[in-house]
Amino acid sequence: MTDTRTRTLYDVLGVEPDAPTEKIRAIYRLRSRDTHPRRPGVGDGRLQRQLNEAYSILGDPDRRAEYNAQTGIRATPRPLRPGQPLYAEVHVGDGVRSRGGAVEATVTRWEPCPRCWGEGCRRCEGRGRRPETRTVVVRVPPGADEVLVEGEGMVGDPGGERGDLILYVIEG
């Protein structure tokens, strides 16, 4: 069975029709690096021209809307996915939980690779995400079992907003 639908500019880049503009830019740069005609052994001038044409249209919101209307594609760019909460434990010394105080919490969050948008590349070792360790100083109120730190959680899409960090306070 053969696929009778025509190849779209979205197919050339390898993105969904509702992909955010930021993703189109990132994927174009990734694919363009791999197909550049001056790259020995793997360069492909014809494919590079196709990528350039696709990006020149899909990377511009007005031209993209016009292209979608002309080809009958009924998709609009989706917004960046919202961030997700990150849950971790913070161990506090004797009495800090009862009296309150500032403590350092070190968390590791897996960040989406801004170069490949989860596709996998050398920079992220093919995983599409990279670990990032971060230390934040938080104020633990007296008697708190958990602490909310706004904007220190996980990112949904590169460049998007972060979710919140929820720290479970453990004494000892």
C-alpha atoms as a PDB file:
ATOM      1  CA  MET A   1       0.000   0.000   0.000  1.00  0.00           C
ATOM      2  CA  THR A   2       1.451   3.383  -0.949  1.00  0.00           C
ATOM      3  CA  ASP A   3       0.980   6.746   0.702  1.00  0.00           C
ATOM      4  CA  THR A   4      -0.915   8.923  -1.790  1.00  0.00           C
ATOM      5  CA  ARG A   5      -0.825  12.158   0.187  1.00  0.00           C
ATOM      6  CA  THR A   6       1.572  14.803  -1.004  1.00  0.00           C
ATOM      7  CA  ARG A   7       4.637  15.714   0.964  1.00  0.00           C
ATOM      8  CA  THR A   8       4.219  18.954   2.892  1.00  0.00           C
ATOM      9  CA  LEU A   9       6.790  21.413   4.190  1.00  0.00           C
ATOM     10  CA  TYR A  10       6.081  19.982   7.647  1.00  0.00           C
ATOM     11  CA  ASP A  11       7.162  16.566   6.341  1.00  0.00           C
ATOM     12  CA  VAL A  12      10.373  18.071   4.930  1.00  0.00           C
ATOM     13  CA  LEU A  13      11.313  19.440   8.364  1.00  0.00           C
ATOM     14  CA  GLY A  14       9.909  16.462  10.262  1.00  0.00           C
ATOM     15  CA  VAL A  15       7.571  18.435  12.552  1.00  0.00           C
ATOM     16  CA  GLU A  16       3.849  18.323  13.268  1.00  0.00           C
ATOM     17  CA  PRO A  17       1.608  20.991  11.681  1.00  0.00           C
ATOM     18  CA  ASP A  18       0.779  22.386  15.132  1.00  0.00           C
ATOM     19  CA  ALA A  19       4.437  22.625  16.242  1.00  0.00           C
ATOM     20  CA  PRO A  20       5.391  25.847  18.016  1.00  0.00           C
ATOM     21  CA  THR A  21       7.569  28.245  16.023  1.00  0.00           C
ATOM     22  CA  GLU A  22      10.415  27.662  18.497  1.00  0.00           C
ATOM     23  CA  LYS A  23      10.404  23.947  17.685  1.00  0.00           C
ATOM     24  CA  ILE A  24      10.421  24.603  13.942  1.00  0.00           C
ATOM     25  CA  ARG A  25      13.481  26.834  14.391  1.00  0.00           C
ATOM     26  CA  ALA A  26      15.310  24.272  16.525  1.00  0.00           C
ATOM     27  CA  ILE A  27      14.578  21.315  14.233  1.00  0.00           C
ATOM     28  CA  TYR A  28      15.558  23.321  11.145  1.00  0.00           C
ATOM     29  CA  ARG A  29      18.923  24.160  12.717  1.00  0.00           C
ATOM     30  CA  LEU A  30      19.495  20.539  13.739  1.00  0.00           C
ATOM     31  CA  ARG A  31      18.594  19.087  10.325  1.00  0.00           C
ATOM     32  CA  SER A  32      20.426  21.861   8.480  1.00  0.00           C
ATOM     33  CA  ARG A  33      23.667  21.115  10.319  1.00  0.00           C
ATOM     34  CA  ASP A  34      23.445  17.472   9.325  1.00  0.00           C
ATOM     35  CA  THR A  35      22.734  18.096   5.629  1.00  0.00           C
ATOM     36  CA  HIS A  36      24.847  21.154   4.848  1.00  0.00           C
ATOM     37  CA  PRO A  37      26.521  20.670   1.431  1.00  0.00           C
ATOM     38  CA  ARG A  38      29.965  21.517   2.826  1.00  0.00           C
ATOM     39  CA  ARG A  39      29.756  18.693   5.353  1.00  0.00           C
ATOM     40  CA  PRO A  40      32.018  15.936   3.995  1.00  0.00           C
ATOM     41  CA  GLY A  41      30.377  12.600   3.339  1.00  0.00           C
ATOM     42  CA  VAL A  42      26.870  13.533   4.459  1.00  0.00           C
ATOM     43  CA  GLY A  43      26.139  16.882   2.803  1.00  0.00           C
ATOM     44  CA  ASP A  44      23.088  16.974   0.569  1.00  0.00           C
ATOM     45  CA  GLY A  45      22.553  20.211  -1.357  1.00  0.00           C
ATOM     46  CA  ARG A  46      19.088  19.235  -2.640  1.00  0.00           C
ATOM     47  CA  LEU A  47      17.798  18.419   0.833  1.00  0.00           C
ATOM     48  CA  GLN A  48      19.415  21.576   2.217  1.00  0.00           C
ATOM     49  CA  ARG A  49      17.505  23.688  -0.339  1.00  0.00           C
ATOM     50  CA  GLN A  50      14.256  21.947   0.654  1.00  0.00           C
ATOM     51  CA  LEU A  51      14.946  22.604   4.344  1.00  0.00           C
ATOM     52  CA  ASN A  52      15.733  26.264   3.631  1.00  0.00           C
ATOM     53  CA  GLU A  53      12.490  26.709   1.676  1.00  0.00           C
ATOM     54  CA  ALA A  54      10.429  24.947   4.361  1.00  0.00           C
ATOM     55  CA  TYR A  55      11.928  27.062   7.128  1.00  0.00           C
ATOM     56  CA  SER A  56      11.577  30.328   5.215  1.00  0.00           C
ATOM     57  CA  ILE A  57       7.825  29.696   5.034  1.00  0.00           C
ATOM     58  CA  LEU A  58       7.079  27.866   8.293  1.00  0.00           C
ATOM     59  CA  GLY A  59       9.390  30.055  10.385  1.00  0.00           C
ATOM     60  CA  ASP A  60       7.408  33.186   9.494  1.00  0.00           C
ATOM     61  CA  PRO A  61       3.948  33.254  11.156  1.00  0.00           C
ATOM     62  CA  ASP A  62       2.265  35.163   8.303  1.00  0.00           C
ATOM     63  CA  ARG A  63       3.728  32.998   5.534  1.00  0.00           C
ATOM     64  CA  ARG A  64       2.932  29.868   7.564  1.00  0.00           C
ATOM     65  CA  ALA A  65      -0.730  30.888   7.930  1.00  0.00           C
ATOM     66  CA  GLU A  66      -0.919  31.598   4.183  1.00  0.00           C
ATOM     67  CA  TYR A  67       0.720  28.229   3.362  1.00  0.00           C
ATOM     68  CA  ASN A  68      -1.688  26.382   5.664  1.00  0.00           C
ATOM     69  CA  ALA A  69      -4.675  28.102   4.022  1.00  0.00           C
ATOM     70  CA  GLN A  70      -3.429  27.289   0.509  1.00  0.00           C
ATOM     71  CA  THR A  71      -2.756  23.619   1.288  1.00  0.00           C
ATOM     72  CA  GLY A  72      -5.880  23.060   3.389  1.00  0.00           C
ATOM     73  CA  ILE A  73      -3.948  22.337   6.590  1.00  0.00           C
ATOM     74  CA  ARG A  74      -6.211  23.247   9.473  1.00  0.00           C
ATOM     75  CA  ALA A  75      -3.674  23.558  12.242  1.00  0.00           C
ATOM     76  CA  THR A  76      -2.442  26.514  14.224  1.00  0.00           C
ATOM     77  CA  PRO A  77       0.796  26.577  16.202  1.00  0.00           C
ATOM     78  CA  ARG A  78       0.224  25.249  19.673  1.00  0.00           C
ATOM     79  CA  PRO A  79       1.618  27.142  22.646  1.00  0.00           C
ATOM     80  CA  LEU A  80       4.627  25.811  24.495  1.00  0.00           C
ATOM     81  CA  ARG A  81       3.695  23.023  26.912  1.00  0.00           C
ATOM     82  CA  PRO A  82       3.438  24.211  30.506  1.00  0.00           C
ATOM     83  CA  GLY A  83       5.993  23.149  33.062  1.00  0.00           C
ATOM     84  CA  GLN A  84       5.463  20.230  35.413  1.00  0.00           C
ATOM     85  CA  PRO A  85       6.003  20.019  39.159  1.00  0.00           C
ATOM     86  CA  LEU A  86       9.181  18.455  40.477  1.00  0.00           C
ATOM     87  CA  TYR A  87       9.046  16.589  43.786  1.00  0.00           C
ATOM     88  CA  ALA A  88      12.078  16.120  46.040  1.00  0.00           C
ATOM     89  CA  GLU A  89      13.050  15.722  49.687  1.00  0.00           C
ATOM     90  CA  VAL A  90      15.038  18.177  51.759  1.00  0.00           C
ATOM     91  CA  HIS A  91      16.667  16.919  54.938  1.00  0.00           C
ATOM     92  CA  VAL A  92      16.844  19.459  57.753  1.00  0.00           C
ATOM     93  CA  GLY A  93      18.865  19.427  60.936  1.00  0.00           C
ATOM     94  CA  ASP A  94      17.545  19.030  64.469  1.00  0.00           C
ATOM     95  CA  GLY A  95      15.086  21.721  65.379  1.00  0.00           C
ATOM     96  CA  VAL A  96      14.887  23.439  61.977  1.00  0.00           C
ATOM     97  CA  ARG A  97      11.569  21.789  61.273  1.00  0.00           C
ATOM     98  CA  SER A  98      10.104  22.960  64.578  1.00  0.00           C
ATOM     99  CA  ARG A  99      11.683  26.466  64.632  1.00  0.00           C
ATOM    100  CA  GLY A 100      11.911  27.084  60.878  1.00  0.00           C
ATOM    101  CA  GLY A 101      14.896  28.429  58.979  1.00  0.00           C
ATOM    102  CA  ALA A 102      16.684  28.573  55.653  1.00  0.00           C
ATOM    103  CA  VAL A 103      18.105  25.398  54.113  1.00  0.00           C
ATOM    104  CA  GLU A 104      19.798  24.465  50.857  1.00  0.00           C
ATOM    105  CA  ALA A 105      18.108  21.893  48.649  1.00  0.00           C
ATOM    106  CA  THR A 106      19.932  20.285  45.727  1.00  0.00           C
ATOM    107  CA  VAL A 107      17.702  18.824  43.021  1.00  0.00           C
ATOM    108  CA  THR A 108      18.343  17.246  39.643  1.00  0.00           C
ATOM    109  CA  ARG A 109      15.884  18.064  36.918  1.00  0.00           C
ATOM    110  CA  TRP A 110      15.889  16.652  33.402  1.00  0.00           C
ATOM    111  CA  GLU A 111      15.824  19.562  30.983  1.00  0.00           C
ATOM    112  CA  PRO A 112      14.581  19.164  27.403  1.00  0.00           C
ATOM    113  CA  CYS A 113      17.402  19.588  24.917  1.00  0.00           C
ATOM    114  CA  PRO A 114      16.977  23.006  23.266  1.00  0.00           C
ATOM    115  CA  ARG A 115      18.892  21.879  20.197  1.00  0.00           C
ATOM    116  CA  CYS A 116      16.788  18.846  19.232  1.00  0.00           C
ATOM    117  CA  TRP A 117      13.497  19.300  21.151  1.00  0.00           C
ATOM    118  CA  GLY A 118      13.544  15.721  22.391  1.00  0.00           C
ATOM    119  CA  GLU A 119      14.511  14.167  19.052  1.00  0.00           C
ATOM    120  CA  GLY A 120      17.902  13.061  20.371  1.00  0.00           C
ATOM    121  CA  CYS A 121      21.302  14.358  19.266  1.00  0.00           C
ATOM    122  CA  ARG A 122      24.968  14.235  20.239  1.00  0.00           C
ATOM    123  CA  ARG A 123      24.614  17.095  22.705  1.00  0.00           C
ATOM    124  CA  CYS A 124      22.051  15.160  24.796  1.00  0.00           C
ATOM    125  CA  GLU A 125      23.508  11.728  23.983  1.00  0.00           C
ATOM    126  CA  GLY A 126      20.362  10.745  22.084  1.00  0.00           C
ATOM    127  CA  ARG A 127      18.050  11.087  25.098  1.00  0.00           C
ATOM    128  CA  GLY A 128      16.381  14.375  24.164  1.00  0.00           C
ATOM    129  CA  ARG A 129      16.907  15.550  27.759  1.00  0.00           C
ATOM    130  CA  ARG A 130      19.897  16.501  29.851  1.00  0.00           C
ATOM    131  CA  PRO A 131      20.284  16.387  33.640  1.00  0.00           C
ATOM    132  CA  GLU A 132      20.793  19.693  35.410  1.00  0.00           C
ATOM    133  CA  THR A 133      21.646  19.868  39.103  1.00  0.00           C
ATOM    134  CA  ARG A 134      20.520  23.005  40.889  1.00  0.00           C
ATOM    135  CA  THR A 135      20.847  24.182  44.472  1.00  0.00           C
ATOM    136  CA  VAL A 136      18.160  26.483  45.847  1.00  0.00           C
ATOM    137  CA  VAL A 137      17.918  28.128  49.242  1.00  0.00           C
ATOM    138  CA  VAL A 138      14.450  27.789  50.739  1.00  0.00           C
ATOM    139  CA  ARG A 139      12.853  29.089  53.889  1.00  0.00           C
ATOM    140  CA  VAL A 140      11.181  26.303  55.849  1.00  0.00           C
ATOM    141  CA  PRO A 141       8.351  27.684  57.988  1.00  0.00           C
ATOM    142  CA  PRO A 142       8.019  26.244  61.528  1.00  0.00           C
ATOM    143  CA  GLY A 143       6.244  22.865  61.484  1.00  0.00           C
ATOM    144  CA  ALA A 144       6.114  22.586  57.685  1.00  0.00           C
ATOM    145  CA  ASP A 145       5.887  19.152  56.088  1.00  0.00           C
ATOM    146  CA  GLU A 146       6.413  20.513  52.590  1.00  0.00           C
ATOM    147  CA  VAL A 147       7.583  23.712  50.923  1.00  0.00           C
ATOM    148  CA  LEU A 148       6.512  25.087  47.546  1.00  0.00           C
ATOM    149  CA  VAL A 149       9.174  26.881  45.478  1.00  0.00           C
ATOM    150  CA  GLU A 150       7.547  28.554  42.488  1.00  0.00           C
ATOM    151  CA  GLY A 151       9.209  28.341  39.094  1.00  0.00           C
ATOM    152  CA  GLU A 152      11.942  25.810  40.003  1.00  0.00           C
ATOM    153  CA  GLY A 153      10.281  22.670  38.611  1.00  0.00           C
ATOM    154  CA  MET A 154      10.429  20.986  35.206  1.00  0.00           C
ATOM    155  CA  VAL A 155      10.071  22.639  31.804  1.00  0.00           C
ATOM    156  CA  GLY A 156       7.551  21.207  29.327  1.00  0.00           C
ATOM    157  CA  ASP A 157       9.160  22.586  26.139  1.00  0.00           C
ATOM    158  CA  PRO A 158      12.490  24.413  25.747  1.00  0.00           C
ATOM    159  CA  GLY A 159      11.890  28.097  26.364  1.00  0.00           C
ATOM    160  CA  GLY A 160       8.613  27.449  28.163  1.00  0.00           C
ATOM    161  CA  GLU A 161       7.687  28.248  31.729  1.00  0.00           C
ATOM    162  CA  ARG A 162       8.802  26.074  34.625  1.00  0.00           C
ATOM    163  CA  GLY A 163       6.522  24.235  36.968  1.00  0.00           C
ATOM    164  CA  ASP A 164       6.945  24.411  40.729  1.00  0.00           C
ATOM    165  CA  LEU A 165       9.332  22.556  43.005  1.00  0.00           C
ATOM    166  CA  ILE A 166       7.648  20.778  45.915  1.00  0.00           C
ATOM    167  CA  LEU A 167      10.036  19.839  48.695  1.00  0.00           C
ATOM    168  CA  TYR A 168       9.084  17.327  51.377  1.00  0.00           C
ATOM    169  CA  VAL A 169      10.727  18.327  54.666  1.00  0.00           C
ATOM    170  CA  ILE A 170      12.423  15.384  56.395  1.00  0.00           C
ATOM    171  CA  GLU A 171      14.003  15.876  59.834  1.00  0.00           C
ATOM    172  CA  GLY A 172      17.223  14.102  60.535  1.00  0.00           C
END
